[in-house]
């Protein structure tokens, strides 16, 4: 979905930013669960960390692409 947004302008940055926020929030909630003694698998920690870092890298890449292409950062208003 975000890849299509790169063709349509800035909304892809909003989608990726919200995805990063959701993943970070899930990571915080999961960390609380783990520290409270909740049952978990070690690979879940690695998978969540990978997802957060990968999505953050996509956001940074999309931001740089939008900036380098000099695409407008806001949709024009009619």
Foldseek 3Di string as FASTA:
>chain_A
DLVVVLVVAAVSLVVLVVVLVVLVVVLVVVVVCVVVPHDDDPVVNVVSVVVNVVSVVVSVVSVVVRVVVVTDNDDDDD
